[in-house]
Amino acid sequence: SSGINAEWPLRPGTQFLPANLLALFAPREPLPYIAPPVPKHSNESCTLSGIGQFVHMFEDPEETPVPQKAPSRAEKKEAKRKAKKEKSTDCDSALIPLL
């Protein structure tokens, strides 16, 4: 024998713990059975209806305004670049007469 216990890998590591920690690994009592809740209403009294009765409340598609396109990320970046360039040219033109 090489001095290594052959049973060691097969045993769980909890056997070496003190009693107060072993108690944490003890199985709990099974949960008590509780009957499923009784529904408040039966499905027979609940009738489903469509949206047909509400269609008259919708707005007329001809009166609907045209959706406005939001600027894309590239368009926002380009607008920011143009504004920055215009601002820098304004500052440069204001400084030129002073020189």
C-alpha atoms as a PDB file:
ATOM      1  CA  SER A   1       0.000   0.000   0.000  1.00  0.00           C
ATOM      2  CA  SER A   2       1.280   3.480  -0.848  1.00  0.00           C
ATOM      3  CA  GLY A   3      -0.126   5.024   2.331  1.00  0.00           C
ATOM      4  CA  ILE A   4      -3.173   6.583   0.596  1.00  0.00           C
ATOM      5  CA  ASN A   5      -6.574   5.438   1.817  1.00  0.00           C
ATOM      6  CA  ALA A   6      -8.323   3.671  -1.091  1.00  0.00           C
ATOM      7  CA  GLU A   7     -11.777   4.608   0.241  1.00  0.00           C
ATOM      8  CA  TRP A   8     -11.025   8.318   0.494  1.00  0.00           C
ATOM      9  CA  PRO A   9     -12.308   9.485  -2.921  1.00  0.00           C
ATOM     10  CA  LEU A  10     -15.540   7.560  -2.428  1.00  0.00           C
ATOM     11  CA  ARG A  11     -16.449   9.140   0.938  1.00  0.00           C
ATOM     12  CA  PRO A  12     -18.198  12.480   1.128  1.00  0.00           C
ATOM     13  CA  GLY A  13     -16.221  15.328   2.659  1.00  0.00           C
ATOM     14  CA  THR A  14     -18.890  16.118   5.261  1.00  0.00           C
ATOM     15  CA  GLN A  15     -17.891  13.197   7.495  1.00  0.00           C
ATOM     16  CA  PHE A  16     -14.979  15.212   8.877  1.00  0.00           C
ATOM     17  CA  LEU A  17     -17.105  18.201   9.902  1.00  0.00           C
ATOM     18  CA  PRO A  18     -18.094  18.896  13.532  1.00  0.00           C
ATOM     19  CA  ALA A  19     -21.631  18.065  14.682  1.00  0.00           C
ATOM     20  CA  ASN A  20     -22.886  21.661  14.523  1.00  0.00           C
ATOM     21  CA  LEU A  21     -21.960  21.847  10.814  1.00  0.00           C
ATOM     22  CA  LEU A  22     -23.220  18.337  10.049  1.00  0.00           C
ATOM     23  CA  ALA A  23     -26.629  19.498  11.286  1.00  0.00           C
ATOM     24  CA  LEU A  24     -26.718  21.949   8.353  1.00  0.00           C
ATOM     25  CA  PHE A  25     -26.552  19.031   5.897  1.00  0.00           C
ATOM     26  CA  ALA A  26     -29.323  17.014   7.589  1.00  0.00           C
ATOM     27  CA  PRO A  27     -32.451  16.457   5.444  1.00  0.00           C
ATOM     28  CA  ARG A  28     -35.465  18.581   6.292  1.00  0.00           C
ATOM     29  CA  GLU A  29     -38.980  17.406   7.019  1.00  0.00           C
ATOM     30  CA  PRO A  30     -41.115  16.921   3.910  1.00  0.00           C
ATOM     31  CA  LEU A  31     -43.380  19.814   3.053  1.00  0.00           C
ATOM     32  CA  PRO A  32     -46.988  19.435   4.172  1.00  0.00           C
ATOM     33  CA  TYR A  33     -49.551  18.821   1.444  1.00  0.00           C
ATOM     34  CA  ILE A  34     -51.802  21.763   0.684  1.00  0.00           C
ATOM     35  CA  ALA A  35     -54.726  21.292  -1.669  1.00  0.00           C
ATOM     36  CA  PRO A  36     -54.711  23.472  -4.799  1.00  0.00           C
ATOM     37  CA  PRO A  37     -56.743  26.671  -4.465  1.00  0.00           C
ATOM     38  CA  VAL A  38     -60.319  26.691  -5.628  1.00  0.00           C
ATOM     39  CA  PRO A  39     -60.823  29.078  -8.562  1.00  0.00           C
ATOM     40  CA  LYS A  40     -62.946  32.155  -7.813  1.00  0.00           C
ATOM     41  CA  HIS A  41     -65.006  31.670 -10.951  1.00  0.00           C
ATOM     42  CA  SER A  42     -65.574  28.802 -13.300  1.00  0.00           C
ATOM     43  CA  ASN A  43     -64.583  28.951 -16.939  1.00  0.00           C
ATOM     44  CA  GLU A  44     -68.186  28.444 -18.000  1.00  0.00           C
ATOM     45  CA  SER A  45     -69.242  31.838 -16.642  1.00  0.00           C
ATOM     46  CA  CYS A  46     -66.269  33.610 -18.219  1.00  0.00           C
ATOM     47  CA  THR A  47     -67.050  34.395 -21.830  1.00  0.00           C
ATOM     48  CA  LEU A  48     -64.416  35.695 -24.191  1.00  0.00           C
ATOM     49  CA  SER A  49     -65.223  38.289 -26.801  1.00  0.00           C
ATOM     50  CA  GLY A  50     -63.271  39.894 -29.584  1.00  0.00           C
ATOM     51  CA  ILE A  51     -62.340  43.501 -30.199  1.00  0.00           C
ATOM     52  CA  GLY A  52     -65.110  44.100 -32.730  1.00  0.00           C
ATOM     53  CA  GLN A  53     -67.126  46.168 -30.284  1.00  0.00           C
ATOM     54  CA  PHE A  54     -64.202  48.591 -29.827  1.00  0.00           C
ATOM     55  CA  VAL A  55     -63.223  49.095 -33.494  1.00  0.00           C
ATOM     56  CA  HIS A  56     -65.312  52.269 -33.757  1.00  0.00           C
ATOM     57  CA  MET A  57     -63.026  53.847 -31.098  1.00  0.00           C
ATOM     58  CA  PHE A  58     -59.901  53.465 -33.239  1.00  0.00           C
ATOM     59  CA  GLU A  59     -58.698  56.485 -35.182  1.00  0.00           C
ATOM     60  CA  ASP A  60     -59.274  56.606 -38.906  1.00  0.00           C
ATOM     61  CA  PRO A  61     -56.127  55.547 -40.811  1.00  0.00           C
ATOM     62  CA  GLU A  62     -56.569  58.520 -43.175  1.00  0.00           C
ATOM     63  CA  GLU A  63     -56.388  60.929 -40.206  1.00  0.00           C
ATOM     64  CA  THR A  64     -53.295  59.285 -38.776  1.00  0.00           C
ATOM     65  CA  PRO A  65     -50.258  61.574 -39.090  1.00  0.00           C
ATOM     66  CA  VAL A  66     -47.294  60.375 -41.092  1.00  0.00           C
ATOM     67  CA  PRO A  67     -44.664  58.911 -38.763  1.00  0.00           C
ATOM     68  CA  GLN A  68     -41.523  60.999 -38.527  1.00  0.00           C
ATOM     69  CA  LYS A  69     -38.234  59.247 -39.119  1.00  0.00           C
ATOM     70  CA  ALA A  70     -35.795  59.548 -36.242  1.00  0.00           C
ATOM     71  CA  PRO A  71     -32.226  60.394 -37.237  1.00  0.00           C
ATOM     72  CA  SER A  72     -29.867  57.442 -37.309  1.00  0.00           C
ATOM     73  CA  ARG A  73     -26.676  57.301 -35.288  1.00  0.00           C
ATOM     74  CA  ALA A  74     -24.589  58.192 -38.345  1.00  0.00           C
ATOM     75  CA  GLU A  75     -26.854  61.167 -39.142  1.00  0.00           C
ATOM     76  CA  LYS A  76     -26.589  62.434 -35.560  1.00  0.00           C
ATOM     77  CA  LYS A  77     -22.825  62.103 -35.685  1.00  0.00           C
ATOM     78  CA  GLU A  78     -22.653  63.969 -38.993  1.00  0.00           C
ATOM     79  CA  ALA A  79     -24.892  66.773 -37.673  1.00  0.00           C
ATOM     80  CA  LYS A  80     -22.730  67.074 -34.581  1.00  0.00           C
ATOM     81  CA  ARG A  81     -19.593  67.199 -36.741  1.00  0.00           C
ATOM     82  CA  LYS A  82     -21.116  69.936 -38.955  1.00  0.00           C
ATOM     83  CA  ALA A  83     -22.181  71.993 -35.932  1.00  0.00           C
ATOM     84  CA  LYS A  84     -18.725  71.704 -34.428  1.00  0.00           C
ATOM     85  CA  LYS A  85     -17.107  72.680 -37.732  1.00  0.00           C
ATOM     86  CA  GLU A  86     -19.403  75.695 -38.127  1.00  0.00           C
ATOM     87  CA  LYS A  87     -18.686  76.763 -34.567  1.00  0.00           C
ATOM     88  CA  SER A  88     -14.935  76.529 -35.136  1.00  0.00           C
ATOM     89  CA  THR A  89     -15.147  78.526 -38.384  1.00  0.00           C
ATOM     90  CA  ASP A  90     -17.225  81.196 -36.603  1.00  0.00           C
ATOM     91  CA  CYS A  91     -14.577  81.457 -33.900  1.00  0.00           C
ATOM     92  CA  ASP A  92     -11.787  81.592 -36.497  1.00  0.00           C
ATOM     93  CA  SER A  93     -13.551  84.329 -38.503  1.00  0.00           C
ATOM     94  CA  ALA A  94     -14.038  86.337 -35.323  1.00  0.00           C
ATOM     95  CA  LEU A  95     -10.313  86.094 -34.524  1.00  0.00           C
ATOM     96  CA  ILE A  96      -9.013  86.962 -38.000  1.00  0.00           C
ATOM     97  CA  PRO A  97      -9.942  90.680 -37.858  1.00  0.00           C
ATOM     98  CA  LEU A  98      -8.128  90.986 -34.540  1.00  0.00           C
ATOM     99  CA  LEU A  99      -4.851  89.853 -36.054  1.00  0.00           C
END
